[in-house]
Amino acid sequence: MGIFIQRLIRWMPLILFVLLLMVDRDNAYHVSGYLILLFSYTGILILKILYAKEQWHKEFDGNALGRNSSIEKMSDFQKELNVKNETHTES
């Protein structure tokens, strides 16, 4: 069931586009159904972005790399991650 929902969400922009072309703009049920589907898809996308943001902050604010003041650019951060990964693989 979860895989079906993920595939549906992945194909939803195409589905919404096709429905936009097919919806009868004079029929209030078609228009309201389309708008409900569009707003619920938008809500799902916003929730996914907020969840990813929360996970990002949990992952990178909890360790010393997130508080390291010597990191000014992304390349500095990648160097620190490589050094950290090399020390974990050696032990």
N, C-alpha and C. Protein backbone atom coordinates (compact mmCIF):
# COMPACT_ATOMS: atom_id res chain seq x y z
N MET A 1 0.82 -1.20 0.00
CA MET A 1 0.00 0.00 0.00
C MET A 1 0.87 1.26 0.00
N GLY A 2 1.97 1.23 0.76
CA GLY A 2 2.85 2.38 0.83
C GLY A 2 3.53 2.68 -0.49
N ILE A 3 3.90 1.63 -1.21
CA ILE A 3 4.55 1.81 -2.51
C ILE A 3 3.57 2.44 -3.50
N PHE A 4 2.31 2.01 -3.44
CA PHE A 4 1.29 2.58 -4.32
C PHE A 4 1.11 4.07 -4.07
N ILE A 5 1.07 4.46 -2.81
CA ILE A 5 0.90 5.89 -2.48
C ILE A 5 2.12 6.69 -2.92
N GLN A 6 3.32 6.14 -2.75
CA GLN A 6 4.52 6.84 -3.21
C GLN A 6 4.52 7.03 -4.72
N ARG A 7 4.12 6.02 -5.44
CA ARG A 7 4.05 6.14 -6.91
C ARG A 7 2.97 7.13 -7.33
N LEU A 8 1.84 7.11 -6.62
CA LEU A 8 0.77 8.06 -6.91
C LEU A 8 1.24 9.50 -6.69
N ILE A 9 1.95 9.74 -5.61
CA ILE A 9 2.47 11.08 -5.33
C ILE A 9 3.50 11.48 -6.38
N ARG A 10 4.30 10.54 -6.82
CA ARG A 10 5.31 10.84 -7.83
C ARG A 10 4.67 11.23 -9.17
N TRP A 11 3.55 10.58 -9.52
CA TRP A 11 2.88 10.85 -10.79
C TRP A 11 1.80 11.92 -10.68
N MET A 12 1.58 12.47 -9.50
CA MET A 12 0.49 13.41 -9.29
C MET A 12 0.58 14.67 -10.16
N PRO A 13 1.74 15.27 -10.41
CA PRO A 13 1.76 16.44 -11.31
C PRO A 13 1.19 16.14 -12.69
N LEU A 14 1.52 14.99 -13.24
CA LEU A 14 0.99 14.61 -14.55
C LEU A 14 -0.52 14.36 -14.47
N ILE A 15 -0.95 13.70 -13.40
CA ILE A 15 -2.37 13.44 -13.20
C ILE A 15 -3.14 14.75 -13.07
N LEU A 16 -2.60 15.68 -12.31
CA LEU A 16 -3.27 16.98 -12.13
C LEU A 16 -3.34 17.75 -13.45
N PHE A 17 -2.29 17.65 -14.26
CA PHE A 17 -2.30 18.33 -15.55
C PHE A 17 -3.37 17.75 -16.47
N VAL A 18 -3.44 16.43 -16.52
CA VAL A 18 -4.45 15.79 -17.37
C VAL A 18 -5.85 16.13 -16.87
N LEU A 19 -6.05 16.10 -15.56
CA LEU A 19 -7.35 16.46 -15.02
C LEU A 19 -7.70 17.92 -15.29
N LEU A 20 -6.70 18.79 -15.29
CA LEU A 20 -6.94 20.19 -15.61
C LEU A 20 -7.48 20.35 -17.02
N LEU A 21 -6.96 19.55 -17.94
CA LEU A 21 -7.44 19.61 -19.31
C LEU A 21 -8.83 19.00 -19.46
N MET A 22 -9.16 18.03 -18.59
CA MET A 22 -10.42 17.31 -18.73
C MET A 22 -11.56 17.88 -17.88
N VAL A 23 -11.26 18.70 -16.89
CA VAL A 23 -12.29 19.15 -15.96
C VAL A 23 -13.29 20.07 -16.67
N ASP A 24 -14.56 19.87 -16.33
CA ASP A 24 -15.62 20.71 -16.86
C ASP A 24 -15.75 21.93 -15.94
N ARG A 25 -15.34 23.08 -16.42
CA ARG A 25 -15.29 24.27 -15.57
C ARG A 25 -16.67 24.80 -15.19
N ASP A 26 -17.70 24.35 -15.86
CA ASP A 26 -19.06 24.75 -15.51
C ASP A 26 -19.66 23.86 -14.42
N ASN A 27 -19.08 22.70 -14.20
CA ASN A 27 -19.57 21.76 -13.20
C ASN A 27 -18.86 22.05 -11.87
N ALA A 28 -19.63 22.43 -10.87
CA ALA A 28 -19.05 22.81 -9.57
C ALA A 28 -18.39 21.62 -8.88
N TYR A 29 -18.90 20.42 -9.10
CA TYR A 29 -18.31 19.23 -8.48
C TYR A 29 -16.93 18.93 -9.07
N HIS A 30 -16.78 19.09 -10.36
CA HIS A 30 -15.48 18.87 -10.99
C HIS A 30 -14.47 19.87 -10.48
N VAL A 31 -14.85 21.13 -10.44
CA VAL A 31 -13.94 22.19 -10.02
C VAL A 31 -13.56 22.01 -8.55
N SER A 32 -14.54 21.75 -7.69
CA SER A 32 -14.24 21.59 -6.27
C SER A 32 -13.40 20.33 -6.03
N GLY A 33 -13.68 19.25 -6.74
CA GLY A 33 -12.88 18.04 -6.61
C GLY A 33 -11.44 18.26 -7.04
N TYR A 34 -11.27 18.97 -8.15
CA TYR A 34 -9.92 19.26 -8.63
C TYR A 34 -9.17 20.14 -7.63
N LEU A 35 -9.84 21.16 -7.11
CA LEU A 35 -9.18 22.04 -6.14
C LEU A 35 -8.82 21.31 -4.85
N ILE A 36 -9.69 20.43 -4.39
CA ILE A 36 -9.38 19.64 -3.19
C ILE A 36 -8.17 18.75 -3.44
N LEU A 37 -8.12 18.10 -4.59
CA LEU A 37 -6.98 17.26 -4.95
C LEU A 37 -5.70 18.08 -5.05
N LEU A 38 -5.79 19.25 -5.67
CA LEU A 38 -4.62 20.11 -5.83
C LEU A 38 -4.11 20.61 -4.47
N PHE A 39 -5.01 21.07 -3.61
CA PHE A 39 -4.58 21.56 -2.30
C PHE A 39 -4.06 20.44 -1.41
N SER A 40 -4.63 19.26 -1.49
CA SER A 40 -4.12 18.16 -0.68
C SER A 40 -2.73 17.73 -1.17
N TYR A 41 -2.50 17.72 -2.47
CA TYR A 41 -1.17 17.41 -2.99
C TYR A 41 -0.16 18.47 -2.55
N THR A 42 -0.57 19.73 -2.60
CA THR A 42 0.31 20.81 -2.15
C THR A 42 0.63 20.66 -0.67
N GLY A 43 -0.37 20.30 0.12
CA GLY A 43 -0.14 20.08 1.55
C GLY A 43 0.82 18.94 1.81
N ILE A 44 0.70 17.86 1.04
CA ILE A 44 1.62 16.73 1.18
C ILE A 44 3.04 17.17 0.86
N LEU A 45 3.22 17.94 -0.19
CA LEU A 45 4.56 18.42 -0.55
C LEU A 45 5.14 19.31 0.54
N ILE A 46 4.34 20.19 1.09
CA ILE A 46 4.81 21.07 2.16
C ILE A 46 5.20 20.26 3.39
N LEU A 47 4.39 19.27 3.74
CA LEU A 47 4.71 18.42 4.88
C LEU A 47 5.99 17.63 4.66
N LYS A 48 6.22 17.15 3.43
CA LYS A 48 7.46 16.44 3.13
C LYS A 48 8.67 17.36 3.27
N ILE A 49 8.55 18.59 2.82
CA ILE A 49 9.65 19.55 2.93
C ILE A 49 9.93 19.88 4.38
N LEU A 50 8.89 20.10 5.17
CA LEU A 50 9.09 20.41 6.58
C LEU A 50 9.69 19.23 7.33
N TYR A 51 9.29 18.01 6.99
CA TYR A 51 9.85 16.82 7.63
C TYR A 51 11.33 16.67 7.27
N ALA A 52 11.67 16.90 6.00
CA ALA A 52 13.07 16.81 5.58
C ALA A 52 13.91 17.87 6.28
N LYS A 53 13.35 19.06 6.45
CA LYS A 53 14.07 20.12 7.15
C LYS A 53 14.32 19.72 8.61
N GLU A 54 13.31 19.15 9.24
CA GLU A 54 13.45 18.72 10.63
C GLU A 54 14.51 17.63 10.76
N GLN A 55 14.50 16.67 9.84
CA GLN A 55 15.49 15.60 9.87
C GLN A 55 16.90 16.14 9.62
N TRP A 56 17.02 17.12 8.76
CA TRP A 56 18.31 17.72 8.48
C TRP A 56 18.88 18.35 9.75
N HIS A 57 18.04 19.09 10.44
CA HIS A 57 18.52 19.75 11.65
C HIS A 57 18.81 18.74 12.76
N LYS A 58 18.08 17.66 12.84
CA LYS A 58 18.38 16.63 13.83
C LYS A 58 19.72 15.98 13.53
N GLU A 59 20.00 15.76 12.25
CA GLU A 59 21.21 15.05 11.87
C GLU A 59 22.46 15.91 12.01
N PHE A 60 22.39 17.16 11.59
CA PHE A 60 23.60 17.96 11.51
C PHE A 60 23.77 18.96 12.64
N ASP A 61 22.76 19.22 13.44
CA ASP A 61 22.93 20.11 14.58
C ASP A 61 23.37 19.37 15.83
N GLY A 62 23.19 18.08 15.84
CA GLY A 62 23.49 17.31 17.04
C GLY A 62 24.95 16.95 17.20
N ASN A 63 25.76 17.09 16.17
CA ASN A 63 27.15 16.68 16.28
C ASN A 63 28.08 17.89 16.26
N ALA A 64 29.34 17.64 16.43
CA ALA A 64 30.33 18.72 16.50
C ALA A 64 30.53 19.42 15.16
N LEU A 65 30.23 18.75 14.07
CA LEU A 65 30.39 19.38 12.76
C LEU A 65 29.42 20.54 12.58
N GLY A 66 28.25 20.44 13.15
CA GLY A 66 27.26 21.51 13.03
C GLY A 66 27.66 22.75 13.80
N ARG A 67 28.47 22.60 14.82
CA ARG A 67 28.88 23.74 15.66
C ARG A 67 30.30 24.19 15.37
N ASN A 68 30.97 23.61 14.40
CA ASN A 68 32.35 23.95 14.08
C ASN A 68 32.38 25.30 13.36
N SER A 69 33.05 26.27 13.95
CA SER A 69 33.08 27.61 13.37
C SER A 69 34.08 27.74 12.22
N SER A 70 34.94 26.74 12.03
CA SER A 70 35.91 26.82 10.94
C SER A 70 35.28 26.48 9.59
N ILE A 71 34.07 25.96 9.60
CA ILE A 71 33.38 25.60 8.36
C ILE A 71 32.65 26.83 7.84
N GLU A 72 33.13 27.33 6.70
CA GLU A 72 32.51 28.50 6.09
C GLU A 72 31.85 28.17 4.75
N LYS A 73 32.35 27.12 4.09
CA LYS A 73 31.82 26.75 2.79
C LYS A 73 31.44 25.27 2.80
N MET A 74 30.71 24.88 1.79
CA MET A 74 30.31 23.47 1.69
C MET A 74 31.53 22.57 1.49
N SER A 75 32.56 23.05 0.80
CA SER A 75 33.75 22.22 0.61
C SER A 75 34.46 21.97 1.93
N ASP A 76 34.44 22.94 2.84
CA ASP A 76 35.02 22.73 4.16
C ASP A 76 34.24 21.65 4.91
N PHE A 77 32.94 21.70 4.78
CA PHE A 77 32.08 20.72 5.44
C PHE A 77 32.34 19.32 4.87
N GLN A 78 32.51 19.22 3.55
CA GLN A 78 32.77 17.93 2.94
C GLN A 78 34.13 17.38 3.37
N LYS A 79 35.12 18.25 3.51
CA LYS A 79 36.44 17.81 4.00
C LYS A 79 36.33 17.26 5.41
N GLU A 80 35.58 17.95 6.25
CA GLU A 80 35.39 17.50 7.64
C GLU A 80 34.68 16.15 7.67
N LEU A 81 33.67 15.97 6.81
CA LEU A 81 32.96 14.70 6.76
C LEU A 81 33.88 13.58 6.28
N ASN A 82 34.73 13.87 5.29
CA ASN A 82 35.66 12.85 4.80
C ASN A 82 36.65 12.45 5.88
N VAL A 83 37.15 13.42 6.62
CA VAL A 83 38.09 13.13 7.70
C VAL A 83 37.39 12.29 8.77
N LYS A 84 36.17 12.64 9.09
CA LYS A 84 35.42 11.91 10.10
C LYS A 84 35.14 10.49 9.64
N ASN A 85 34.78 10.29 8.36
CA ASN A 85 34.50 8.96 7.83
C ASN A 85 35.76 8.10 7.78
N GLU A 86 36.91 8.71 7.47
CA GLU A 86 38.16 7.96 7.42
C GLU A 86 38.55 7.46 8.80
N THR A 87 38.30 8.24 9.82
CA THR A 87 38.66 7.80 11.17
C THR A 87 37.73 6.69 11.64
N HIS A 88 36.48 6.67 11.19
CA HIS A 88 35.56 5.61 11.59
C HIS A 88 35.88 4.30 10.86
N THR A 89 36.34 4.38 9.62
CA THR A 89 36.64 3.17 8.87
C THR A 89 37.95 2.53 9.34
N GLU A 90 38.88 3.32 9.85
CA GLU A 90 40.16 2.78 10.32
C GLU A 90 40.00 2.03 11.62
N SER A 91 39.10 2.43 12.48
CA SER A 91 38.97 1.78 13.79
C SER A 91 38.05 0.59 13.77
